[in-house]
Amino acid sequence: MGTWLSGPGPFDAGDGEDGHDSQGKYPGERLGLPESGPGSLARMGRRLGALCIDWLVAYGLAGLVMALGFISLPMLSTAVLVIWMVLGTVAVRLFSFTPGQLAVGLAVAPADGRDRIGIVRAFLRVVLIALVIPPLVSDSDLRGLHDRLTFTAVLRR
């Protein structure tokens, strides 16, 4: 009776239906990452701190642009969002971290074996973060839906 009423399980439930347990002993084990220290998956607190710093940087830059007369006060929130998205996309593509991630010791790494994160994947990741919900939906590896969809992981440096 409860099969269709209970709905689908989480996207990586680790229930062993495919013959093996898909959950590791610690977050990141399935990705081959260490349990703690450099190279381990970043926890939510550091990620949130980095996001706050990035927003403050975007607000500062938008305030500077407004002070120079390029935008008006009603356009400030849109300018902050655009600056944050451009900053996040370009910084992740060029350096593998945003200014906020640099400040708290994090980096974005590809989880699919590639060397770097391309501009399209970096932009898609920022768009998904701006939608707010994808980062809140996480798996057993503490990776948000935005990281799973773009095949990335946020690691401690």
N, C-alpha and C. Protein backbone atom coordinates (compact mmCIF):
# COMPACT_ATOMS: atom_id res chain seq x y z
N MET A 1 0.80 -1.19 0.00
CA MET A 1 0.00 0.00 0.00
C MET A 1 0.85 1.26 0.00
N GLY A 2 1.98 1.28 0.68
CA GLY A 2 2.77 2.49 0.79
C GLY A 2 3.78 2.69 -0.32
N THR A 3 3.83 1.84 -1.32
CA THR A 3 4.86 1.97 -2.33
C THR A 3 4.74 3.24 -3.13
N TRP A 4 3.57 3.57 -3.65
CA TRP A 4 3.45 4.78 -4.44
C TRP A 4 3.05 5.98 -3.59
N LEU A 5 2.49 5.76 -2.42
CA LEU A 5 2.10 6.86 -1.55
C LEU A 5 3.30 7.51 -0.87
N SER A 6 4.31 6.72 -0.60
CA SER A 6 5.46 7.26 0.11
C SER A 6 6.36 8.08 -0.81
N GLY A 7 6.19 7.96 -2.11
CA GLY A 7 6.99 8.74 -3.05
C GLY A 7 8.37 8.15 -3.25
N PRO A 8 9.14 8.77 -4.13
CA PRO A 8 10.48 8.25 -4.40
C PRO A 8 11.43 8.54 -3.26
N GLY A 9 12.47 7.74 -3.16
CA GLY A 9 13.49 7.95 -2.14
C GLY A 9 14.46 9.03 -2.58
N PRO A 10 15.46 9.35 -1.75
CA PRO A 10 16.47 10.32 -2.13
C PRO A 10 17.24 9.83 -3.34
N PHE A 11 17.87 10.77 -4.08
CA PHE A 11 18.49 10.39 -5.33
C PHE A 11 19.73 9.53 -5.17
N ASP A 12 20.25 9.36 -3.97
CA ASP A 12 21.33 8.39 -3.74
C ASP A 12 21.09 7.69 -2.42
N ALA A 13 20.00 7.00 -2.33
CA ALA A 13 19.56 6.43 -1.06
C ALA A 13 20.52 5.42 -0.48
N GLY A 14 21.30 4.74 -1.33
CA GLY A 14 22.23 3.76 -0.81
C GLY A 14 21.54 2.56 -0.22
N ASP A 15 20.40 2.18 -0.81
CA ASP A 15 19.62 1.08 -0.26
C ASP A 15 20.10 -0.28 -0.74
N GLY A 16 21.12 -0.31 -1.58
CA GLY A 16 21.71 -1.57 -1.99
C GLY A 16 20.95 -2.27 -3.09
N GLU A 17 19.97 -1.62 -3.71
CA GLU A 17 19.22 -2.26 -4.78
C GLU A 17 20.08 -2.60 -5.98
N ASP A 18 21.15 -1.86 -6.19
CA ASP A 18 22.01 -2.13 -7.33
C ASP A 18 23.14 -3.10 -6.98
N GLY A 19 23.07 -3.71 -5.83
CA GLY A 19 24.05 -4.73 -5.46
C GLY A 19 25.14 -4.26 -4.53
N HIS A 20 25.25 -2.96 -4.29
CA HIS A 20 26.26 -2.47 -3.36
C HIS A 20 25.75 -1.22 -2.67
N ASP A 21 26.32 -0.94 -1.55
CA ASP A 21 25.94 0.23 -0.76
C ASP A 21 26.58 1.46 -1.39
N SER A 22 25.77 2.45 -1.77
CA SER A 22 26.31 3.62 -2.46
C SER A 22 26.80 4.70 -1.49
N GLN A 23 26.56 4.57 -0.19
CA GLN A 23 27.03 5.55 0.77
C GLN A 23 28.38 5.11 1.33
N GLY A 24 29.29 6.06 1.47
CA GLY A 24 30.57 5.76 2.07
C GLY A 24 30.51 5.91 3.58
N LYS A 25 31.63 5.66 4.22
CA LYS A 25 31.70 5.80 5.68
C LYS A 25 31.71 7.27 6.09
N TYR A 26 32.19 8.14 5.22
CA TYR A 26 32.24 9.57 5.50
C TYR A 26 31.98 10.33 4.19
N PRO A 27 31.55 11.60 4.29
CA PRO A 27 31.29 12.37 3.07
C PRO A 27 32.56 12.50 2.21
N GLY A 28 32.44 12.15 0.96
CA GLY A 28 33.56 12.25 0.03
C GLY A 28 34.29 10.96 -0.24
N GLU A 29 34.01 9.92 0.54
CA GLU A 29 34.72 8.65 0.34
C GLU A 29 34.45 8.07 -1.05
N ARG A 30 33.19 8.16 -1.49
CA ARG A 30 32.84 7.64 -2.82
C ARG A 30 33.56 8.39 -3.93
N LEU A 31 33.97 9.63 -3.67
CA LEU A 31 34.69 10.43 -4.65
C LEU A 31 36.20 10.26 -4.54
N GLY A 32 36.63 9.46 -3.59
CA GLY A 32 38.06 9.25 -3.38
C GLY A 32 38.75 10.38 -2.64
N LEU A 33 38.01 11.11 -1.84
CA LEU A 33 38.56 12.25 -1.10
C LEU A 33 38.85 11.85 0.34
N PRO A 34 39.80 12.54 0.98
CA PRO A 34 40.09 12.24 2.38
C PRO A 34 38.94 12.65 3.30
N GLU A 35 38.92 12.08 4.50
CA GLU A 35 37.86 12.37 5.46
C GLU A 35 37.96 13.78 6.02
N SER A 36 39.17 14.27 6.24
CA SER A 36 39.35 15.61 6.79
C SER A 36 40.64 16.20 6.24
N GLY A 37 40.82 17.49 6.49
CA GLY A 37 42.03 18.16 6.05
C GLY A 37 41.93 18.65 4.61
N PRO A 38 43.05 19.09 4.04
CA PRO A 38 43.06 19.58 2.66
C PRO A 38 42.58 18.51 1.68
N GLY A 39 41.73 18.91 0.76
CA GLY A 39 41.20 17.99 -0.23
C GLY A 39 39.91 17.31 0.19
N SER A 40 39.47 17.52 1.43
CA SER A 40 38.21 16.92 1.88
C SER A 40 37.06 17.83 1.49
N LEU A 41 35.86 17.28 1.47
CA LEU A 41 34.69 18.08 1.13
C LEU A 41 34.43 19.16 2.18
N ALA A 42 34.07 20.34 1.71
CA ALA A 42 33.79 21.46 2.60
C ALA A 42 32.44 21.29 3.25
N ARG A 43 32.33 21.70 4.47
CA ARG A 43 31.07 21.64 5.21
C ARG A 43 30.25 22.90 4.92
N MET A 44 28.99 22.84 5.29
CA MET A 44 28.04 23.90 4.97
C MET A 44 28.43 25.25 5.59
N GLY A 45 28.98 25.26 6.80
CA GLY A 45 29.33 26.52 7.45
C GLY A 45 30.35 27.33 6.67
N ARG A 46 31.41 26.69 6.21
CA ARG A 46 32.42 27.39 5.42
C ARG A 46 31.86 27.85 4.09
N ARG A 47 31.03 27.01 3.49
CA ARG A 47 30.45 27.37 2.20
C ARG A 47 29.54 28.58 2.34
N LEU A 48 28.77 28.63 3.41
CA LEU A 48 27.88 29.76 3.66
C LEU A 48 28.68 31.03 3.95
N GLY A 49 29.77 30.88 4.70
CA GLY A 49 30.65 32.03 4.97
C GLY A 49 31.24 32.58 3.69
N ALA A 50 31.67 31.71 2.79
CA ALA A 50 32.23 32.15 1.51
C ALA A 50 31.17 32.87 0.68
N LEU A 51 29.95 32.36 0.70
CA LEU A 51 28.87 32.99 -0.04
C LEU A 51 28.58 34.40 0.49
N CYS A 52 28.58 34.55 1.80
CA CYS A 52 28.36 35.87 2.40
C CYS A 52 29.45 36.85 2.00
N ILE A 53 30.69 36.41 2.01
CA ILE A 53 31.80 37.28 1.61
C ILE A 53 31.66 37.67 0.14
N ASP A 54 31.29 36.72 -0.71
CA ASP A 54 31.10 37.02 -2.13
C ASP A 54 29.99 38.05 -2.34
N TRP A 55 28.90 37.92 -1.57
CA TRP A 55 27.81 38.89 -1.69
C TRP A 55 28.27 40.27 -1.23
N LEU A 56 29.05 40.33 -0.16
CA LEU A 56 29.56 41.63 0.31
C LEU A 56 30.47 42.27 -0.73
N VAL A 57 31.31 41.48 -1.38
CA VAL A 57 32.17 42.00 -2.46
C VAL A 57 31.30 42.54 -3.59
N ALA A 58 30.27 41.78 -3.97
CA ALA A 58 29.37 42.22 -5.05
C ALA A 58 28.64 43.50 -4.66
N TYR A 59 28.20 43.61 -3.40
CA TYR A 59 27.55 44.84 -2.94
C TYR A 59 28.53 46.01 -2.99
N GLY A 60 29.76 45.79 -2.58
CA GLY A 60 30.76 46.86 -2.63
C GLY A 60 31.02 47.34 -4.04
N LEU A 61 31.17 46.40 -4.97
CA LEU A 61 31.41 46.77 -6.37
C LEU A 61 30.20 47.47 -6.97
N ALA A 62 29.00 47.00 -6.63
CA ALA A 62 27.78 47.65 -7.13
C ALA A 62 27.64 49.06 -6.54
N GLY A 63 28.00 49.21 -5.27
CA GLY A 63 27.98 50.54 -4.67
C GLY A 63 28.96 51.48 -5.34
N LEU A 64 30.12 50.97 -5.70
CA LEU A 64 31.11 51.78 -6.42
C LEU A 64 30.58 52.19 -7.79
N VAL A 65 29.97 51.24 -8.49
CA VAL A 65 29.41 51.55 -9.81
C VAL A 65 28.28 52.58 -9.67
N MET A 66 27.49 52.46 -8.60
CA MET A 66 26.41 53.43 -8.38
C MET A 66 26.99 54.80 -8.03
N ALA A 67 28.04 54.84 -7.24
CA ALA A 67 28.67 56.12 -6.87
C ALA A 67 29.27 56.82 -8.08
N LEU A 68 29.71 56.03 -9.06
CA LEU A 68 30.27 56.61 -10.28
C LEU A 68 29.18 57.06 -11.25
N GLY A 69 27.93 56.76 -10.92
CA GLY A 69 26.81 57.23 -11.72
C GLY A 69 26.39 56.33 -12.86
N PHE A 70 26.89 55.11 -12.90
CA PHE A 70 26.53 54.21 -14.00
C PHE A 70 25.18 53.53 -13.80
N ILE A 71 24.75 53.38 -12.55
CA ILE A 71 23.44 52.80 -12.26
C ILE A 71 22.75 53.65 -11.21
N SER A 72 21.42 53.52 -11.13
CA SER A 72 20.65 54.27 -10.14
C SER A 72 20.25 53.34 -9.00
N LEU A 73 19.74 53.90 -7.95
CA LEU A 73 19.36 53.13 -6.77
C LEU A 73 18.35 52.01 -7.06
N PRO A 74 17.33 52.24 -7.88
CA PRO A 74 16.39 51.15 -8.16
C PRO A 74 17.04 49.94 -8.86
N MET A 75 18.16 50.13 -9.50
CA MET A 75 18.84 49.04 -10.21
C MET A 75 19.93 48.37 -9.36
N LEU A 76 20.09 48.80 -8.12
CA LEU A 76 21.17 48.29 -7.28
C LEU A 76 21.09 46.79 -7.05
N SER A 77 19.93 46.26 -6.71
CA SER A 77 19.82 44.83 -6.42
C SER A 77 20.10 43.98 -7.67
N THR A 78 19.65 44.46 -8.82
CA THR A 78 19.95 43.74 -10.07
C THR A 78 21.44 43.79 -10.37
N ALA A 79 22.05 44.93 -10.13
CA ALA A 79 23.49 45.07 -10.37
C ALA A 79 24.29 44.16 -9.44
N VAL A 80 23.85 44.05 -8.18
CA VAL A 80 24.53 43.16 -7.23
C VAL A 80 24.47 41.72 -7.72
N LEU A 81 23.30 41.27 -8.16
CA LEU A 81 23.15 39.91 -8.66
C LEU A 81 24.01 39.66 -9.89
N VAL A 82 24.00 40.59 -10.84
CA VAL A 82 24.79 40.42 -12.06
C VAL A 82 26.29 40.41 -11.73
N ILE A 83 26.73 41.31 -10.88
CA ILE A 83 28.15 41.35 -10.50
C ILE A 83 28.53 40.07 -9.78
N TRP A 84 27.67 39.59 -8.87
CA TRP A 84 27.96 38.34 -8.16
C TRP A 84 28.07 37.16 -9.12
N MET A 85 27.16 37.11 -10.10
CA MET A 85 27.19 36.01 -11.06
C MET A 85 28.43 36.07 -11.95
N VAL A 86 28.77 37.25 -12.43
CA VAL A 86 29.96 37.40 -13.28
C VAL A 86 31.23 37.09 -12.48
N LEU A 87 31.31 37.62 -11.27
CA LEU A 87 32.46 37.38 -10.40
C LEU A 87 32.62 35.89 -10.10
N GLY A 88 31.52 35.23 -9.75
CA GLY A 88 31.57 33.80 -9.46
C GLY A 88 31.95 32.96 -10.65
N THR A 89 31.39 33.29 -11.81
CA THR A 89 31.69 32.52 -13.03
C THR A 89 33.14 32.68 -13.44
N VAL A 90 33.59 33.91 -13.54
CA VAL A 90 34.96 34.17 -14.01
C VAL A 90 36.00 33.67 -13.01
N ALA A 91 35.76 33.89 -11.73
CA ALA A 91 36.73 33.47 -10.71
C ALA A 91 36.86 31.95 -10.65
N VAL A 92 35.73 31.25 -10.70
CA VAL A 92 35.79 29.78 -10.66
C VAL A 92 36.47 29.24 -11.92
N ARG A 93 36.19 29.86 -13.06
CA ARG A 93 36.82 29.41 -14.30
C ARG A 93 38.33 29.65 -14.28
N LEU A 94 38.76 30.82 -13.85
CA LEU A 94 40.18 31.17 -13.90
C LEU A 94 40.99 30.60 -12.74
N PHE A 95 40.43 30.66 -11.52
CA PHE A 95 41.22 30.33 -10.34
C PHE A 95 40.71 29.11 -9.55
N SER A 96 39.53 28.62 -9.87
CA SER A 96 38.87 27.52 -9.16
C SER A 96 38.36 27.92 -7.78
N PHE A 97 38.25 29.20 -7.52
CA PHE A 97 37.65 29.68 -6.27
C PHE A 97 37.19 31.11 -6.45
N THR A 98 36.19 31.49 -5.66
CA THR A 98 35.72 32.87 -5.63
C THR A 98 36.49 33.61 -4.55
N PRO A 99 36.37 34.94 -4.48
CA PRO A 99 37.06 35.66 -3.40
C PRO A 99 36.66 35.17 -2.01
N GLY A 100 35.39 34.87 -1.80
CA GLY A 100 34.93 34.35 -0.51
C GLY A 100 35.51 32.98 -0.22
N GLN A 101 35.58 32.13 -1.22
CA GLN A 101 36.17 30.81 -1.03
C GLN A 101 37.66 30.91 -0.74
N LEU A 102 38.33 31.87 -1.36
CA LEU A 102 39.74 32.09 -1.06
C LEU A 102 39.91 32.50 0.41
N ALA A 103 39.03 33.37 0.88
CA ALA A 103 39.13 33.87 2.26
C ALA A 103 38.94 32.78 3.30
N VAL A 104 38.06 31.81 3.02
CA VAL A 104 37.79 30.76 4.01
C VAL A 104 38.51 29.44 3.68
N GLY A 105 39.33 29.42 2.65
CA GLY A 105 40.14 28.25 2.35
C GLY A 105 39.43 27.13 1.60
N LEU A 106 38.62 27.50 0.61
CA LEU A 106 37.90 26.51 -0.19
C LEU A 106 38.28 26.63 -1.66
N ALA A 107 37.96 25.61 -2.43
CA ALA A 107 38.16 25.63 -3.88
C ALA A 107 37.11 24.74 -4.53
N VAL A 108 36.74 25.07 -5.75
CA VAL A 108 35.79 24.26 -6.52
C VAL A 108 36.61 23.36 -7.44
N ALA A 109 36.35 22.06 -7.36
CA ALA A 109 37.09 21.10 -8.16
C ALA A 109 36.13 20.29 -9.03
N PRO A 110 36.56 19.94 -10.23
CA PRO A 110 35.73 19.06 -11.05
C PRO A 110 35.67 17.67 -10.44
N ALA A 111 34.50 17.06 -10.44
CA ALA A 111 34.33 15.72 -9.86
C ALA A 111 34.21 14.66 -10.94
N ASP A 112 34.48 15.05 -12.19
CA ASP A 112 34.34 14.10 -13.29
C ASP A 112 35.67 13.77 -13.96
N GLY A 113 36.78 14.09 -13.31
CA GLY A 113 38.09 13.73 -13.83
C GLY A 113 38.71 14.75 -14.78
N ARG A 114 38.03 15.83 -15.09
CA ARG A 114 38.60 16.85 -15.96
C ARG A 114 39.61 17.69 -15.19
N ASP A 115 40.43 18.41 -15.93
CA ASP A 115 41.46 19.24 -15.30
C ASP A 115 40.89 20.53 -14.70
N ARG A 116 40.00 21.19 -15.44
CA ARG A 116 39.47 22.48 -15.00
C ARG A 116 37.97 22.54 -15.21
N ILE A 117 37.38 23.57 -14.68
CA ILE A 117 35.95 23.81 -14.84
C ILE A 117 35.78 24.83 -15.96
N GLY A 118 35.03 24.47 -16.98
CA GLY A 118 34.80 25.37 -18.11
C GLY A 118 33.88 26.51 -17.77
N ILE A 119 33.84 27.50 -18.65
CA ILE A 119 33.03 28.70 -18.41
C ILE A 119 31.54 28.38 -18.39
N VAL A 120 31.08 27.48 -19.23
CA VAL A 120 29.66 27.13 -19.27
C VAL A 120 29.26 26.42 -17.97
N ARG A 121 30.08 25.50 -17.54
CA ARG A 121 29.79 24.77 -16.31
C ARG A 121 29.85 25.70 -15.10
N ALA A 122 30.80 26.62 -15.08
CA ALA A 122 30.90 27.59 -13.98
C ALA A 122 29.67 28.50 -13.96
N PHE A 123 29.21 28.93 -15.13
CA PHE A 123 28.03 29.79 -15.20
C PHE A 123 26.78 29.03 -14.77
N LEU A 124 26.62 27.81 -15.22
CA LEU A 124 25.47 27.00 -14.83
C LEU A 124 25.45 26.79 -13.32
N ARG A 125 26.61 26.58 -12.73
CA ARG A 125 26.71 26.39 -11.28
C ARG A 125 26.26 27.64 -10.54
N VAL A 126 26.67 28.82 -11.00
CA VAL A 126 26.29 30.08 -10.36
C VAL A 126 24.79 30.33 -10.52
N VAL A 127 24.23 30.02 -11.68
CA VAL A 127 22.80 30.20 -11.90
C VAL A 127 22.01 29.31 -10.93
N LEU A 128 22.45 28.07 -10.76
CA LEU A 128 21.76 27.16 -9.85
C LEU A 128 21.87 27.62 -8.40
N ILE A 129 23.01 28.19 -8.02
CA ILE A 129 23.16 28.74 -6.67
C ILE A 129 22.21 29.93 -6.48
N ALA A 130 22.07 30.76 -7.51
CA ALA A 130 21.19 31.93 -7.42
C ALA A 130 19.73 31.52 -7.26
N LEU A 131 19.38 30.33 -7.69
CA LEU A 131 18.00 29.85 -7.51
C LEU A 131 17.72 29.41 -6.08
N VAL A 132 18.70 29.36 -5.23
CA VAL A 132 18.66 29.10 -3.79
C VAL A 132 18.34 27.64 -3.43
N ILE A 133 17.35 27.03 -4.02
CA ILE A 133 16.93 25.68 -3.63
C ILE A 133 17.98 24.61 -3.95
N PRO A 134 18.62 24.60 -5.13
CA PRO A 134 19.59 23.53 -5.41
C PRO A 134 20.70 23.38 -4.37
N PRO A 135 21.28 24.45 -3.84
CA PRO A 135 22.31 24.24 -2.82
C PRO A 135 21.78 23.65 -1.51
N LEU A 136 20.48 23.82 -1.26
CA LEU A 136 19.90 23.31 -0.02
C LEU A 136 19.59 21.81 -0.08
N VAL A 137 19.49 21.26 -1.28
CA VAL A 137 19.22 19.83 -1.46
C VAL A 137 20.57 19.14 -1.61
N SER A 138 20.97 18.39 -0.58
CA SER A 138 22.29 17.76 -0.62
C SER A 138 22.18 16.25 -0.50
N ASP A 139 23.24 15.58 -0.92
CA ASP A 139 23.29 14.12 -0.86
C ASP A 139 24.14 13.68 0.33
N SER A 140 24.44 12.40 0.40
CA SER A 140 25.21 11.88 1.53
C SER A 140 26.66 12.38 1.52
N ASP A 141 27.11 12.90 0.40
CA ASP A 141 28.46 13.47 0.32
C ASP A 141 28.47 14.97 0.62
N LEU A 142 27.33 15.50 1.07
CA LEU A 142 27.19 16.92 1.39
C LEU A 142 27.37 17.82 0.17
N ARG A 143 27.18 17.27 -1.01
CA ARG A 143 27.24 18.06 -2.23
C ARG A 143 25.82 18.48 -2.58
N GLY A 144 25.65 19.78 -2.83
CA GLY A 144 24.34 20.28 -3.21
C GLY A 144 23.96 19.84 -4.61
N LEU A 145 22.71 20.00 -4.93
CA LEU A 145 22.22 19.62 -6.25
C LEU A 145 22.94 20.40 -7.34
N HIS A 146 23.33 21.64 -7.07
CA HIS A 146 24.07 22.43 -8.05
C HIS A 146 25.43 21.80 -8.34
N ASP A 147 26.08 21.22 -7.32
CA ASP A 147 27.36 20.55 -7.55
C ASP A 147 27.17 19.22 -8.27
N ARG A 148 26.12 18.51 -7.95
CA ARG A 148 25.87 17.23 -8.63
C ARG A 148 25.55 17.44 -10.09
N LEU A 149 24.75 18.44 -10.40
CA LEU A 149 24.36 18.69 -11.80
C LEU A 149 25.52 19.21 -12.65
N THR A 150 26.46 19.91 -12.04
CA THR A 150 27.61 20.43 -12.79
C THR A 150 28.87 19.60 -12.60
N PHE A 151 28.75 18.48 -11.91
CA PHE A 151 29.88 17.56 -11.67
C PHE A 151 31.06 18.30 -11.04
N THR A 152 30.77 19.01 -9.96
CA THR A 152 31.80 19.71 -9.21
C THR A 152 31.71 19.35 -7.73
N ALA A 153 32.71 19.74 -6.98
CA ALA A 153 32.73 19.55 -5.53
C ALA A 153 33.51 20.71 -4.92
N VAL A 154 33.06 21.20 -3.78
CA VAL A 154 33.76 22.26 -3.07
C VAL A 154 34.63 21.61 -2.01
N LEU A 155 35.94 21.83 -2.12
CA LEU A 155 36.92 21.17 -1.26
C LEU A 155 37.64 22.18 -0.39
N ARG A 156 38.16 21.69 0.74
CA ARG A 156 39.04 22.50 1.58
C ARG A 156 40.41 22.56 0.93
N ARG A 157 41.04 23.76 0.98
CA ARG A 157 42.39 23.88 0.40
C ARG A 157 43.43 23.66 1.46
